[in-house]
Amino acid sequence: MFFMSRALGRDLGWFWYYWLFTTESVDGAIANLQRAGSRTTVTVRQDGQMPSPVVLEVRLGPGRAAAPMRGARMVDDSTALVSVPVEVWFEGRRSYDDVLDFGARVVQAVTLDPCGRFPDRDPSDNVWPRSAAPAAVPGGGGRSWPGYCTEQ
């Protein structure tokens, strides 16, 4: 534990505590999504006791190239991955608002933890709009993961 924390230059005490010494679970959800002009505010709620980074797959509507956004990387012309460090949960917050602004491109769908990397207790609430197919657990149901999930 100490070797990895030192080698990465980060305090990973929170990680070791939750993964090795508790039976807590991750249970993130997309609680709300609101649009105002070119901005879309996604509210992520943490219902579990184990914190995890916030990783959002954002599907964009048609249009010109998306405006660059801090914390986001485009994986193709209509999909962005937005990453927010786990530290957003460290002060005891139970929800986090992420403001997405890709210029004129409209946010059509958002998926929390699209690659299923975190053991979410209820992945069915990780998608917006809710009518989208619920995310499956890794290795289950024959789901094919997007190519960026398998990239090293």
N, C-alpha and C. Protein backbone atom coordinates (compact mmCIF):
# COMPACT_ATOMS: atom_id res chain seq x y z
N MET A 1 0.83 -1.18 0.00
CA MET A 1 0.00 0.00 0.00
C MET A 1 0.88 1.25 0.00
N PHE A 2 1.88 1.27 0.88
CA PHE A 2 2.74 2.44 0.98
C PHE A 2 3.56 2.61 -0.29
N PHE A 3 4.05 1.49 -0.84
CA PHE A 3 4.85 1.55 -2.06
C PHE A 3 4.06 2.17 -3.20
N MET A 4 2.82 1.69 -3.40
CA MET A 4 2.01 2.22 -4.51
C MET A 4 1.67 3.69 -4.31
N SER A 5 1.31 4.06 -3.09
CA SER A 5 0.98 5.47 -2.84
C SER A 5 2.19 6.35 -3.11
N ARG A 6 3.35 5.91 -2.65
CA ARG A 6 4.58 6.69 -2.85
C ARG A 6 4.95 6.74 -4.33
N ALA A 7 4.87 5.60 -5.03
CA ALA A 7 5.24 5.55 -6.44
C ALA A 7 4.34 6.43 -7.30
N LEU A 8 3.06 6.50 -6.94
CA LEU A 8 2.12 7.34 -7.70
C LEU A 8 2.12 8.79 -7.24
N GLY A 9 2.75 9.04 -6.09
CA GLY A 9 2.78 10.41 -5.57
C GLY A 9 1.44 10.91 -5.11
N ARG A 10 0.56 9.99 -4.68
CA ARG A 10 -0.78 10.35 -4.22
C ARG A 10 -1.10 9.60 -2.95
N ASP A 11 -1.88 10.22 -2.10
CA ASP A 11 -2.35 9.56 -0.89
C ASP A 11 -3.54 8.68 -1.28
N LEU A 12 -3.33 7.38 -1.25
CA LEU A 12 -4.39 6.44 -1.61
C LEU A 12 -5.01 5.78 -0.40
N GLY A 13 -4.85 6.40 0.78
CA GLY A 13 -5.43 5.85 2.00
C GLY A 13 -6.92 5.60 1.89
N TRP A 14 -7.65 6.50 1.25
CA TRP A 14 -9.09 6.33 1.08
C TRP A 14 -9.38 5.05 0.30
N PHE A 15 -8.61 4.79 -0.74
CA PHE A 15 -8.81 3.61 -1.58
C PHE A 15 -8.59 2.34 -0.78
N TRP A 16 -7.44 2.25 -0.10
CA TRP A 16 -7.12 1.04 0.67
C TRP A 16 -8.15 0.81 1.77
N TYR A 17 -8.56 1.87 2.42
CA TYR A 17 -9.53 1.74 3.50
C TYR A 17 -10.83 1.09 2.99
N TYR A 18 -11.41 1.68 1.94
CA TYR A 18 -12.69 1.18 1.45
C TYR A 18 -12.59 -0.19 0.80
N TRP A 19 -11.55 -0.45 0.02
CA TRP A 19 -11.44 -1.70 -0.71
C TRP A 19 -11.00 -2.87 0.16
N LEU A 20 -10.20 -2.60 1.17
CA LEU A 20 -9.65 -3.71 1.95
C LEU A 20 -10.24 -3.88 3.35
N PHE A 21 -10.75 -2.81 3.92
CA PHE A 21 -11.14 -2.87 5.32
C PHE A 21 -12.62 -2.60 5.59
N THR A 22 -13.44 -2.46 4.55
CA THR A 22 -14.88 -2.26 4.75
C THR A 22 -15.65 -3.15 3.77
N THR A 23 -16.93 -3.18 3.96
CA THR A 23 -17.82 -3.87 3.01
C THR A 23 -18.73 -2.86 2.31
N GLU A 24 -18.31 -1.60 2.31
CA GLU A 24 -19.11 -0.54 1.67
C GLU A 24 -19.17 -0.76 0.16
N SER A 25 -20.10 -0.10 -0.50
CA SER A 25 -20.24 -0.25 -1.94
C SER A 25 -20.32 1.10 -2.63
N VAL A 26 -20.02 1.07 -3.92
CA VAL A 26 -20.20 2.23 -4.80
C VAL A 26 -21.65 2.17 -5.28
N ASP A 27 -22.32 3.29 -5.29
CA ASP A 27 -23.66 3.35 -5.85
C ASP A 27 -23.90 4.76 -6.37
N GLY A 28 -23.34 5.06 -7.52
CA GLY A 28 -23.53 6.36 -8.14
C GLY A 28 -24.78 6.36 -9.00
N ALA A 29 -25.28 7.54 -9.28
CA ALA A 29 -26.48 7.66 -10.11
C ALA A 29 -26.48 9.03 -10.77
N ILE A 30 -27.10 9.10 -11.93
CA ILE A 30 -27.36 10.40 -12.54
C ILE A 30 -28.71 10.83 -11.99
N ALA A 31 -28.68 11.82 -11.11
CA ALA A 31 -29.89 12.25 -10.41
C ALA A 31 -30.72 13.23 -11.23
N ASN A 32 -30.04 14.06 -12.04
CA ASN A 32 -30.76 15.10 -12.76
C ASN A 32 -29.90 15.60 -13.91
N LEU A 33 -30.56 16.17 -14.89
CA LEU A 33 -29.87 16.80 -16.01
C LEU A 33 -30.71 18.01 -16.42
N GLN A 34 -30.06 19.18 -16.47
CA GLN A 34 -30.77 20.41 -16.85
C GLN A 34 -29.97 21.15 -17.91
N ARG A 35 -30.69 21.69 -18.87
CA ARG A 35 -30.06 22.47 -19.94
C ARG A 35 -30.38 23.94 -19.76
N ALA A 36 -29.39 24.78 -20.05
CA ALA A 36 -29.58 26.23 -20.06
C ALA A 36 -28.65 26.78 -21.14
N GLY A 37 -29.20 27.09 -22.28
CA GLY A 37 -28.38 27.55 -23.39
C GLY A 37 -27.48 26.42 -23.87
N SER A 38 -26.19 26.71 -24.02
CA SER A 38 -25.26 25.68 -24.47
C SER A 38 -24.74 24.82 -23.32
N ARG A 39 -25.12 25.15 -22.10
CA ARG A 39 -24.63 24.42 -20.92
C ARG A 39 -25.63 23.36 -20.47
N THR A 40 -25.09 22.23 -20.07
CA THR A 40 -25.90 21.15 -19.50
C THR A 40 -25.31 20.81 -18.15
N THR A 41 -26.12 20.86 -17.10
CA THR A 41 -25.66 20.51 -15.76
C THR A 41 -26.13 19.10 -15.44
N VAL A 42 -25.15 18.23 -15.19
CA VAL A 42 -25.44 16.84 -14.81
C VAL A 42 -25.21 16.73 -13.31
N THR A 43 -26.22 16.28 -12.58
CA THR A 43 -26.09 16.05 -11.14
C THR A 43 -25.85 14.57 -10.91
N VAL A 44 -24.68 14.27 -10.34
CA VAL A 44 -24.33 12.90 -10.01
C VAL A 44 -24.53 12.74 -8.51
N ARG A 45 -25.22 11.69 -8.12
CA ARG A 45 -25.50 11.43 -6.71
C ARG A 45 -24.73 10.19 -6.28
N GLN A 46 -24.17 10.21 -5.09
CA GLN A 46 -23.47 9.05 -4.52
C GLN A 46 -24.32 8.48 -3.40
N ASP A 47 -25.01 7.38 -3.68
CA ASP A 47 -25.86 6.75 -2.68
C ASP A 47 -25.11 5.73 -1.84
N GLY A 48 -23.97 5.25 -2.33
CA GLY A 48 -23.16 4.30 -1.58
C GLY A 48 -22.21 5.03 -0.65
N GLN A 49 -21.48 4.28 0.14
CA GLN A 49 -20.52 4.87 1.07
C GLN A 49 -19.09 4.87 0.54
N MET A 50 -18.82 4.14 -0.54
CA MET A 50 -17.48 4.08 -1.11
C MET A 50 -17.36 5.11 -2.23
N PRO A 51 -16.43 6.04 -2.12
CA PRO A 51 -16.26 7.04 -3.18
C PRO A 51 -15.61 6.42 -4.41
N SER A 52 -15.90 7.01 -5.56
CA SER A 52 -15.24 6.61 -6.80
C SER A 52 -15.15 7.85 -7.69
N PRO A 53 -14.20 7.86 -8.61
CA PRO A 53 -14.15 8.98 -9.55
C PRO A 53 -15.45 9.08 -10.35
N VAL A 54 -15.73 10.25 -10.86
CA VAL A 54 -16.91 10.45 -11.71
C VAL A 54 -16.41 10.39 -13.16
N VAL A 55 -16.88 9.39 -13.89
CA VAL A 55 -16.54 9.26 -15.31
C VAL A 55 -17.85 9.25 -16.07
N LEU A 56 -18.00 10.22 -16.96
CA LEU A 56 -19.23 10.36 -17.74
C LEU A 56 -18.95 10.17 -19.22
N GLU A 57 -19.75 9.35 -19.86
CA GLU A 57 -19.74 9.27 -21.31
C GLU A 57 -20.85 10.20 -21.78
N VAL A 58 -20.50 11.18 -22.59
CA VAL A 58 -21.46 12.18 -23.06
C VAL A 58 -21.63 12.01 -24.57
N ARG A 59 -22.86 11.69 -24.98
CA ARG A 59 -23.19 11.57 -26.41
C ARG A 59 -23.74 12.90 -26.88
N LEU A 60 -23.15 13.42 -27.95
CA LEU A 60 -23.52 14.73 -28.47
C LEU A 60 -24.32 14.61 -29.75
N GLY A 61 -25.21 15.57 -29.94
CA GLY A 61 -26.00 15.64 -31.17
C GLY A 61 -25.12 16.08 -32.33
N PRO A 62 -25.67 16.04 -33.53
CA PRO A 62 -24.90 16.43 -34.71
C PRO A 62 -24.54 17.91 -34.68
N GLY A 63 -23.49 18.23 -35.41
CA GLY A 63 -23.06 19.61 -35.49
C GLY A 63 -21.57 19.71 -35.78
N ARG A 64 -21.09 20.93 -35.73
CA ARG A 64 -19.66 21.15 -35.95
C ARG A 64 -18.87 20.55 -34.82
N ALA A 65 -17.56 20.61 -34.93
CA ALA A 65 -16.68 20.06 -33.90
C ALA A 65 -17.06 20.63 -32.53
N ALA A 66 -17.04 19.77 -31.54
CA ALA A 66 -17.40 20.19 -30.17
C ALA A 66 -16.32 21.12 -29.63
N ALA A 67 -16.76 22.11 -28.88
CA ALA A 67 -15.81 23.01 -28.23
C ALA A 67 -15.02 22.24 -27.18
N PRO A 68 -13.71 22.50 -27.06
CA PRO A 68 -12.93 21.79 -26.03
C PRO A 68 -13.42 22.15 -24.64
N MET A 69 -13.39 21.17 -23.74
CA MET A 69 -13.84 21.39 -22.38
C MET A 69 -12.84 20.76 -21.43
N ARG A 70 -12.51 21.48 -20.36
CA ARG A 70 -11.55 20.97 -19.38
C ARG A 70 -12.08 19.68 -18.76
N GLY A 71 -11.21 18.68 -18.63
CA GLY A 71 -11.59 17.42 -18.03
C GLY A 71 -12.27 16.46 -19.00
N ALA A 72 -12.38 16.87 -20.27
CA ALA A 72 -13.06 16.03 -21.26
C ALA A 72 -12.10 15.68 -22.39
N ARG A 73 -12.32 14.50 -22.95
CA ARG A 73 -11.57 14.12 -24.15
C ARG A 73 -12.54 13.49 -25.13
N MET A 74 -12.44 13.90 -26.36
CA MET A 74 -13.31 13.35 -27.40
C MET A 74 -12.76 11.99 -27.82
N VAL A 75 -13.61 10.96 -27.82
CA VAL A 75 -13.17 9.64 -28.26
C VAL A 75 -13.60 9.36 -29.69
N ASP A 76 -14.58 10.10 -30.17
CA ASP A 76 -14.95 10.11 -31.59
C ASP A 76 -15.70 11.41 -31.83
N ASP A 77 -16.27 11.59 -33.02
CA ASP A 77 -16.88 12.88 -33.34
C ASP A 77 -18.16 13.19 -32.56
N SER A 78 -18.76 12.18 -31.90
CA SER A 78 -20.00 12.44 -31.16
C SER A 78 -19.97 11.98 -29.71
N THR A 79 -18.81 11.56 -29.21
CA THR A 79 -18.71 11.03 -27.84
C THR A 79 -17.54 11.65 -27.11
N ALA A 80 -17.81 12.12 -25.90
CA ALA A 80 -16.76 12.67 -25.04
C ALA A 80 -16.75 11.89 -23.74
N LEU A 81 -15.56 11.73 -23.16
CA LEU A 81 -15.42 11.18 -21.82
C LEU A 81 -15.01 12.31 -20.91
N VAL A 82 -15.77 12.50 -19.85
CA VAL A 82 -15.50 13.56 -18.88
C VAL A 82 -15.10 12.86 -17.58
N SER A 83 -13.93 13.23 -17.04
CA SER A 83 -13.43 12.61 -15.82
C SER A 83 -13.26 13.64 -14.72
N VAL A 84 -13.75 13.29 -13.53
CA VAL A 84 -13.65 14.16 -12.36
C VAL A 84 -13.03 13.32 -11.24
N PRO A 85 -11.97 13.81 -10.61
CA PRO A 85 -11.29 13.03 -9.57
C PRO A 85 -12.20 12.68 -8.39
N VAL A 86 -11.86 11.59 -7.72
CA VAL A 86 -12.61 11.07 -6.58
C VAL A 86 -12.72 12.08 -5.44
N GLU A 87 -11.82 13.02 -5.38
CA GLU A 87 -11.78 13.99 -4.28
C GLU A 87 -13.06 14.81 -4.14
N VAL A 88 -13.92 14.85 -5.17
CA VAL A 88 -15.17 15.62 -5.04
C VAL A 88 -16.05 15.09 -3.91
N TRP A 89 -15.84 13.85 -3.48
CA TRP A 89 -16.67 13.24 -2.43
C TRP A 89 -16.05 13.35 -1.04
N PHE A 90 -14.80 13.78 -0.95
CA PHE A 90 -14.07 13.69 0.31
C PHE A 90 -14.59 14.59 1.42
N GLU A 91 -15.34 15.63 1.12
CA GLU A 91 -15.86 16.51 2.16
C GLU A 91 -17.26 16.11 2.62
N GLY A 92 -17.67 14.91 2.24
CA GLY A 92 -18.97 14.41 2.69
C GLY A 92 -20.14 14.75 1.79
N ARG A 93 -19.88 15.36 0.63
CA ARG A 93 -20.96 15.68 -0.29
C ARG A 93 -21.62 14.41 -0.78
N ARG A 94 -22.91 14.45 -1.03
CA ARG A 94 -23.65 13.31 -1.55
C ARG A 94 -24.05 13.52 -3.00
N SER A 95 -23.87 14.76 -3.52
CA SER A 95 -24.14 15.01 -4.93
C SER A 95 -23.11 15.99 -5.47
N TYR A 96 -22.92 15.90 -6.78
CA TYR A 96 -21.93 16.74 -7.46
C TYR A 96 -22.54 17.19 -8.78
N ASP A 97 -22.45 18.50 -9.06
CA ASP A 97 -22.93 19.05 -10.33
C ASP A 97 -21.74 19.29 -11.25
N ASP A 98 -21.80 18.72 -12.43
CA ASP A 98 -20.77 18.94 -13.45
C ASP A 98 -21.42 19.71 -14.59
N VAL A 99 -20.87 20.86 -14.91
CA VAL A 99 -21.41 21.70 -15.98
C VAL A 99 -20.67 21.36 -17.27
N LEU A 100 -21.42 20.86 -18.24
CA LEU A 100 -20.88 20.47 -19.53
C LEU A 100 -21.19 21.57 -20.54
N ASP A 101 -20.18 21.96 -21.30
CA ASP A 101 -20.39 22.98 -22.32
C ASP A 101 -19.55 22.61 -23.54
N PHE A 102 -20.20 22.02 -24.53
CA PHE A 102 -19.53 21.62 -25.76
C PHE A 102 -19.91 22.55 -26.91
N GLY A 103 -20.16 23.81 -26.59
CA GLY A 103 -20.53 24.79 -27.59
C GLY A 103 -21.92 24.53 -28.11
N ALA A 104 -22.08 24.53 -29.42
CA ALA A 104 -23.40 24.37 -30.03
C ALA A 104 -23.88 22.92 -30.03
N ARG A 105 -23.04 21.97 -29.65
CA ARG A 105 -23.44 20.56 -29.64
C ARG A 105 -24.34 20.26 -28.45
N VAL A 106 -25.49 19.69 -28.70
CA VAL A 106 -26.47 19.37 -27.66
C VAL A 106 -26.14 18.02 -27.04
N VAL A 107 -26.23 17.93 -25.73
CA VAL A 107 -26.03 16.67 -25.03
C VAL A 107 -27.29 15.83 -25.21
N GLN A 108 -27.13 14.64 -25.82
CA GLN A 108 -28.27 13.77 -26.07
C GLN A 108 -28.40 12.66 -25.03
N ALA A 109 -27.27 12.18 -24.52
CA ALA A 109 -27.30 11.08 -23.55
C ALA A 109 -26.05 11.15 -22.69
N VAL A 110 -26.19 10.68 -21.44
CA VAL A 110 -25.06 10.65 -20.51
C VAL A 110 -25.10 9.30 -19.79
N THR A 111 -23.92 8.69 -19.67
CA THR A 111 -23.79 7.43 -18.93
C THR A 111 -22.70 7.60 -17.89
N LEU A 112 -23.00 7.28 -16.66
CA LEU A 112 -22.02 7.29 -15.57
C LEU A 112 -21.27 5.96 -15.60
N ASP A 113 -19.94 6.01 -15.53
CA ASP A 113 -19.09 4.82 -15.54
C ASP A 113 -19.42 3.91 -16.72
N PRO A 114 -19.24 4.40 -17.96
CA PRO A 114 -19.65 3.65 -19.14
C PRO A 114 -18.91 2.33 -19.33
N CYS A 115 -17.72 2.20 -18.76
CA CYS A 115 -16.95 0.96 -18.93
C CYS A 115 -17.17 -0.02 -17.79
N GLY A 116 -18.01 0.34 -16.81
CA GLY A 116 -18.29 -0.56 -15.71
C GLY A 116 -17.09 -0.88 -14.85
N ARG A 117 -16.22 0.09 -14.66
CA ARG A 117 -14.99 -0.15 -13.89
C ARG A 117 -15.21 -0.16 -12.39
N PHE A 118 -16.29 0.42 -11.93
CA PHE A 118 -16.56 0.49 -10.49
C PHE A 118 -17.74 -0.43 -10.17
N PRO A 119 -17.67 -1.18 -9.09
CA PRO A 119 -18.73 -2.15 -8.78
C PRO A 119 -19.99 -1.49 -8.24
N ASP A 120 -20.72 -0.84 -9.12
CA ASP A 120 -21.92 -0.09 -8.75
C ASP A 120 -23.02 -1.05 -8.32
N ARG A 121 -23.61 -0.77 -7.17
CA ARG A 121 -24.67 -1.62 -6.62
C ARG A 121 -25.90 -1.65 -7.53
N ASP A 122 -26.23 -0.51 -8.18
CA ASP A 122 -27.41 -0.44 -9.04
C ASP A 122 -27.08 0.36 -10.30
N PRO A 123 -26.55 -0.29 -11.34
CA PRO A 123 -26.16 0.45 -12.55
C PRO A 123 -27.34 0.92 -13.40
N SER A 124 -28.56 0.53 -13.07
CA SER A 124 -29.71 0.93 -13.88
C SER A 124 -29.98 2.44 -13.82
N ASP A 125 -29.49 3.13 -12.78
CA ASP A 125 -29.71 4.57 -12.69
C ASP A 125 -28.49 5.38 -13.15
N ASN A 126 -27.62 4.74 -13.91
CA ASN A 126 -26.40 5.40 -14.40
C ASN A 126 -26.56 5.99 -15.80
N VAL A 127 -27.77 6.00 -16.33
CA VAL A 127 -27.99 6.50 -17.69
C VAL A 127 -29.05 7.60 -17.71
N TRP A 128 -28.88 8.53 -18.63
CA TRP A 128 -29.88 9.54 -18.91
C TRP A 128 -29.93 9.70 -20.41
N PRO A 129 -31.08 9.70 -21.03
CA PRO A 129 -32.39 9.58 -20.41
C PRO A 129 -32.62 8.16 -19.90
N ARG A 130 -33.52 8.03 -18.93
CA ARG A 130 -33.77 6.75 -18.28
C ARG A 130 -34.28 5.70 -19.25
N SER A 131 -34.84 6.11 -20.36
CA SER A 131 -35.36 5.14 -21.33
C SER A 131 -34.24 4.38 -22.03
N ALA A 132 -32.99 4.87 -21.88
CA ALA A 132 -31.86 4.17 -22.48
C ALA A 132 -31.68 2.84 -21.77
N ALA A 133 -31.07 1.89 -22.47
CA ALA A 133 -30.85 0.57 -21.88
C ALA A 133 -29.96 0.69 -20.65
N PRO A 134 -30.31 0.02 -19.56
CA PRO A 134 -29.49 0.09 -18.35
C PRO A 134 -28.12 -0.53 -18.58
N ALA A 135 -27.12 0.02 -17.90
CA ALA A 135 -25.77 -0.51 -18.02
C ALA A 135 -25.71 -1.87 -17.36
N ALA A 136 -24.95 -2.75 -17.96
CA ALA A 136 -24.79 -4.09 -17.39
C ALA A 136 -23.48 -4.17 -16.63
N VAL A 137 -23.40 -5.13 -15.77
CA VAL A 137 -22.14 -5.33 -15.05
C VAL A 137 -21.13 -5.96 -15.98
N PRO A 138 -19.83 -5.65 -15.82
CA PRO A 138 -18.82 -6.23 -16.70
C PRO A 138 -18.89 -7.76 -16.69
N GLY A 139 -18.77 -8.32 -17.87
CA GLY A 139 -18.77 -9.77 -17.99
C GLY A 139 -20.17 -10.37 -17.98
N GLY A 140 -21.18 -9.55 -17.81
CA GLY A 140 -22.53 -10.09 -17.73
C GLY A 140 -23.38 -9.66 -18.90
N GLY A 141 -24.28 -10.51 -19.32
CA GLY A 141 -25.26 -10.17 -20.33
C GLY A 141 -24.73 -9.98 -21.73
N GLY A 142 -23.49 -10.31 -21.99
CA GLY A 142 -22.95 -10.21 -23.33
C GLY A 142 -22.83 -8.80 -23.86
N ARG A 143 -22.80 -7.81 -22.99
CA ARG A 143 -22.68 -6.43 -23.45
C ARG A 143 -21.33 -6.22 -24.13
N SER A 144 -21.35 -5.53 -25.25
CA SER A 144 -20.10 -5.19 -25.91
C SER A 144 -19.71 -3.77 -25.49
N TRP A 145 -18.54 -3.63 -24.96
CA TRP A 145 -18.06 -2.34 -24.46
C TRP A 145 -17.55 -1.49 -25.59
N PRO A 146 -17.68 -0.16 -25.49
CA PRO A 146 -17.11 0.72 -26.50
C PRO A 146 -15.60 0.49 -26.59
N GLY A 147 -15.03 0.75 -27.75
CA GLY A 147 -13.60 0.51 -27.97
C GLY A 147 -12.71 1.20 -26.95
N TYR A 148 -13.08 2.40 -26.50
CA TYR A 148 -12.22 3.11 -25.55
C TYR A 148 -12.18 2.43 -24.19
N CYS A 149 -13.09 1.53 -23.91
CA CYS A 149 -13.07 0.80 -22.64
C CYS A 149 -11.97 -0.24 -22.60
N THR A 150 -11.55 -0.71 -23.75
CA THR A 150 -10.53 -1.75 -23.80
C THR A 150 -9.16 -1.20 -24.14
N GLU A 151 -9.06 0.10 -24.43
CA GLU A 151 -7.76 0.70 -24.73
C GLU A 151 -6.89 0.71 -23.50
N GLN A 152 -5.62 0.51 -23.69
CA GLN A 152 -4.68 0.55 -22.56
C GLN A 152 -3.99 1.88 -22.49
